[in-house]
Amino acid sequence: MDNFTKPYLISRGTNLPFGIIFMGVIGGFLAYGFLGIFFGATLMAVAYRLLLEWLDVAPARSPKKIRK
């Protein structure tokens, strides 16, 4: 029960998808134990936001020619 309620309560305070938080909680717990519940969710949230920013802000750019 705890594995389902913690991700739900954590994701309510943010606008991140529930699945991202849930994968972070479960993966963090499997990798690092009790502290991984918090670290996993935090790392997944940060990685998700960085991915969204990277996809949104960094469009493909063509190299500019330097004029002399």
N, C-alpha and C. Protein backbone atom coordinates (compact mmCIF):
# COMPACT_ATOMS: atom_id res chain seq x y z
N MET A 1 0.82 -1.19 0.00
CA MET A 1 0.00 0.00 0.00
C MET A 1 0.87 1.25 0.00
N ASP A 2 1.95 1.21 0.74
CA ASP A 2 2.82 2.37 0.85
C ASP A 2 3.47 2.71 -0.48
N ASN A 3 3.76 1.69 -1.29
CA ASN A 3 4.39 1.94 -2.59
C ASN A 3 3.47 2.68 -3.55
N PHE A 4 2.19 2.65 -3.33
CA PHE A 4 1.25 3.35 -4.20
C PHE A 4 0.84 4.71 -3.65
N THR A 5 0.80 4.84 -2.33
CA THR A 5 0.35 6.11 -1.76
C THR A 5 1.45 7.17 -1.79
N LYS A 6 2.71 6.77 -1.55
CA LYS A 6 3.80 7.76 -1.57
C LYS A 6 3.94 8.43 -2.94
N PRO A 7 3.99 7.69 -4.05
CA PRO A 7 4.09 8.37 -5.34
C PRO A 7 2.89 9.27 -5.62
N TYR A 8 1.71 8.83 -5.20
CA TYR A 8 0.53 9.65 -5.42
C TYR A 8 0.62 10.97 -4.64
N LEU A 9 1.03 10.90 -3.39
CA LEU A 9 1.13 12.10 -2.57
C LEU A 9 2.26 13.00 -3.04
N ILE A 10 3.36 12.42 -3.50
CA ILE A 10 4.48 13.22 -4.00
C ILE A 10 4.09 13.92 -5.29
N SER A 11 3.39 13.24 -6.18
CA SER A 11 3.04 13.82 -7.47
C SER A 11 1.91 14.85 -7.37
N ARG A 12 1.17 14.87 -6.29
CA ARG A 12 0.10 15.86 -6.13
C ARG A 12 0.67 17.26 -5.99
N GLY A 13 1.85 17.41 -5.43
CA GLY A 13 2.43 18.73 -5.22
C GLY A 13 3.14 19.28 -6.46
N THR A 14 3.28 18.48 -7.49
CA THR A 14 3.96 18.91 -8.70
C THR A 14 3.06 18.67 -9.90
N ASN A 15 3.50 19.16 -11.06
CA ASN A 15 2.73 18.91 -12.27
C ASN A 15 3.41 17.83 -13.12
N LEU A 16 4.09 16.90 -12.46
CA LEU A 16 4.74 15.79 -13.15
C LEU A 16 3.78 14.62 -13.26
N PRO A 17 3.92 13.81 -14.31
CA PRO A 17 3.05 12.64 -14.43
C PRO A 17 3.27 11.63 -13.29
N PHE A 18 2.20 10.99 -12.91
CA PHE A 18 2.25 10.01 -11.82
C PHE A 18 3.21 8.87 -12.15
N GLY A 19 3.24 8.44 -13.40
CA GLY A 19 4.09 7.32 -13.80
C GLY A 19 5.57 7.60 -13.60
N ILE A 20 6.00 8.82 -13.86
CA ILE A 20 7.40 9.19 -13.67
C ILE A 20 7.78 9.10 -12.19
N ILE A 21 6.94 9.64 -11.33
CA ILE A 21 7.19 9.59 -9.90
C ILE A 21 7.16 8.15 -9.40
N PHE A 22 6.20 7.38 -9.88
CA PHE A 22 6.07 5.98 -9.45
C PHE A 22 7.31 5.17 -9.84
N MET A 23 7.79 5.34 -11.08
CA MET A 23 8.99 4.63 -11.51
C MET A 23 10.20 5.04 -10.67
N GLY A 24 10.28 6.32 -10.33
CA GLY A 24 11.38 6.79 -9.50
C GLY A 24 11.35 6.20 -8.10
N VAL A 25 10.16 6.12 -7.53
CA VAL A 25 10.03 5.57 -6.17
C VAL A 25 10.39 4.08 -6.17
N ILE A 26 9.83 3.33 -7.09
CA ILE A 26 10.08 1.88 -7.13
C ILE A 26 11.54 1.60 -7.49
N GLY A 27 12.04 2.27 -8.52
CA GLY A 27 13.43 2.06 -8.93
C GLY A 27 14.42 2.49 -7.86
N GLY A 28 14.16 3.60 -7.21
CA GLY A 28 15.02 4.06 -6.13
C GLY A 28 15.02 3.10 -4.96
N PHE A 29 13.85 2.57 -4.62
CA PHE A 29 13.76 1.62 -3.52
C PHE A 29 14.52 0.34 -3.84
N LEU A 30 14.38 -0.15 -5.07
CA LEU A 30 15.09 -1.37 -5.45
C LEU A 30 16.60 -1.17 -5.49
N ALA A 31 17.04 0.01 -5.88
CA ALA A 31 18.47 0.26 -6.01
C ALA A 31 19.13 0.67 -4.68
N TYR A 32 18.44 1.51 -3.89
CA TYR A 32 19.09 2.10 -2.71
C TYR A 32 18.36 1.87 -1.40
N GLY A 33 17.28 1.12 -1.41
CA GLY A 33 16.57 0.85 -0.17
C GLY A 33 15.65 1.99 0.22
N PHE A 34 15.48 2.18 1.53
CA PHE A 34 14.53 3.16 2.03
C PHE A 34 14.82 4.58 1.55
N LEU A 35 16.07 5.02 1.59
CA LEU A 35 16.40 6.37 1.13
C LEU A 35 16.18 6.53 -0.37
N GLY A 36 16.25 5.45 -1.11
CA GLY A 36 16.02 5.49 -2.54
C GLY A 36 14.60 5.90 -2.91
N ILE A 37 13.66 5.71 -1.99
CA ILE A 37 12.28 6.14 -2.25
C ILE A 37 12.27 7.64 -2.54
N PHE A 38 13.02 8.40 -1.77
CA PHE A 38 13.05 9.85 -1.94
C PHE A 38 14.04 10.27 -3.02
N PHE A 39 15.21 9.65 -3.04
CA PHE A 39 16.21 10.01 -4.05
C PHE A 39 15.76 9.63 -5.46
N GLY A 40 15.14 8.47 -5.59
CA GLY A 40 14.70 8.02 -6.91
C GLY A 40 13.64 8.94 -7.50
N ALA A 41 12.66 9.31 -6.68
CA ALA A 41 11.61 10.21 -7.16
C ALA A 41 12.18 11.57 -7.51
N THR A 42 13.11 12.06 -6.70
CA THR A 42 13.71 13.35 -6.96
C THR A 42 14.55 13.33 -8.24
N LEU A 43 15.35 12.30 -8.41
CA LEU A 43 16.18 12.21 -9.61
C LEU A 43 15.34 12.04 -10.87
N MET A 44 14.28 11.28 -10.80
CA MET A 44 13.41 11.12 -11.97
C MET A 44 12.70 12.43 -12.31
N ALA A 45 12.29 13.18 -11.30
CA ALA A 45 11.63 14.46 -11.55
C ALA A 45 12.59 15.45 -12.19
N VAL A 46 13.81 15.50 -11.68
CA VAL A 46 14.81 16.40 -12.25
C VAL A 46 15.16 15.98 -13.68
N ALA A 47 15.35 14.70 -13.90
CA ALA A 47 15.67 14.21 -15.24
C ALA A 47 14.53 14.49 -16.21
N TYR A 48 13.31 14.32 -15.78
CA TYR A 48 12.14 14.58 -16.63
C TYR A 48 12.06 16.06 -17.02
N ARG A 49 12.25 16.94 -16.05
CA ARG A 49 12.20 18.38 -16.34
C ARG A 49 13.35 18.81 -17.24
N LEU A 50 14.55 18.25 -17.02
CA LEU A 50 15.68 18.57 -17.88
C LEU A 50 15.43 18.09 -19.31
N LEU A 51 14.86 16.93 -19.46
CA LEU A 51 14.55 16.41 -20.79
C LEU A 51 13.54 17.30 -21.49
N LEU A 52 12.50 17.72 -20.78
CA LEU A 52 11.52 18.62 -21.38
C LEU A 52 12.13 19.94 -21.79
N GLU A 53 12.98 20.51 -20.95
CA GLU A 53 13.64 21.77 -21.28
C GLU A 53 14.57 21.61 -22.46
N TRP A 54 15.29 20.51 -22.52
CA TRP A 54 16.22 20.27 -23.61
C TRP A 54 15.46 20.12 -24.93
N LEU A 55 14.36 19.40 -24.91
CA LEU A 55 13.58 19.21 -26.13
C LEU A 55 12.90 20.50 -26.58
N ASP A 56 12.53 21.34 -25.65
CA ASP A 56 11.81 22.56 -25.97
C ASP A 56 12.73 23.70 -26.38
N VAL A 57 13.87 23.84 -25.73
CA VAL A 57 14.72 25.02 -25.91
C VAL A 57 15.80 24.81 -26.96
N ALA A 58 16.24 23.61 -27.18
CA ALA A 58 17.38 23.38 -28.06
C ALA A 58 16.94 22.81 -29.41
N PRO A 59 16.39 23.65 -30.29
CA PRO A 59 16.04 23.15 -31.61
C PRO A 59 17.30 22.93 -32.44
N ALA A 60 17.16 22.15 -33.49
CA ALA A 60 18.31 21.91 -34.37
C ALA A 60 18.70 23.21 -35.06
N ARG A 61 19.93 23.57 -34.95
CA ARG A 61 20.42 24.82 -35.53
C ARG A 61 21.45 24.52 -36.60
N SER A 62 21.40 25.30 -37.64
CA SER A 62 22.43 25.16 -38.66
C SER A 62 23.60 26.07 -38.29
N PRO A 63 24.81 25.66 -38.59
CA PRO A 63 25.96 26.50 -38.27
C PRO A 63 25.92 27.82 -39.04
N LYS A 64 26.26 28.89 -38.36
CA LYS A 64 26.27 30.21 -39.01
C LYS A 64 27.62 30.42 -39.69
N LYS A 65 27.54 31.06 -40.83
CA LYS A 65 28.77 31.37 -41.56
C LYS A 65 29.34 32.68 -41.03
N ILE A 66 30.62 32.71 -40.87
CA ILE A 66 31.30 33.91 -40.38
C ILE A 66 31.70 34.76 -41.60
N ARG A 67 31.28 36.03 -41.60
CA ARG A 67 31.62 36.93 -42.70
C ARG A 67 32.80 37.79 -42.29
N LYS A 68 33.71 37.99 -43.22
CA LYS A 68 34.87 38.83 -42.94
C LYS A 68 34.81 40.11 -43.70
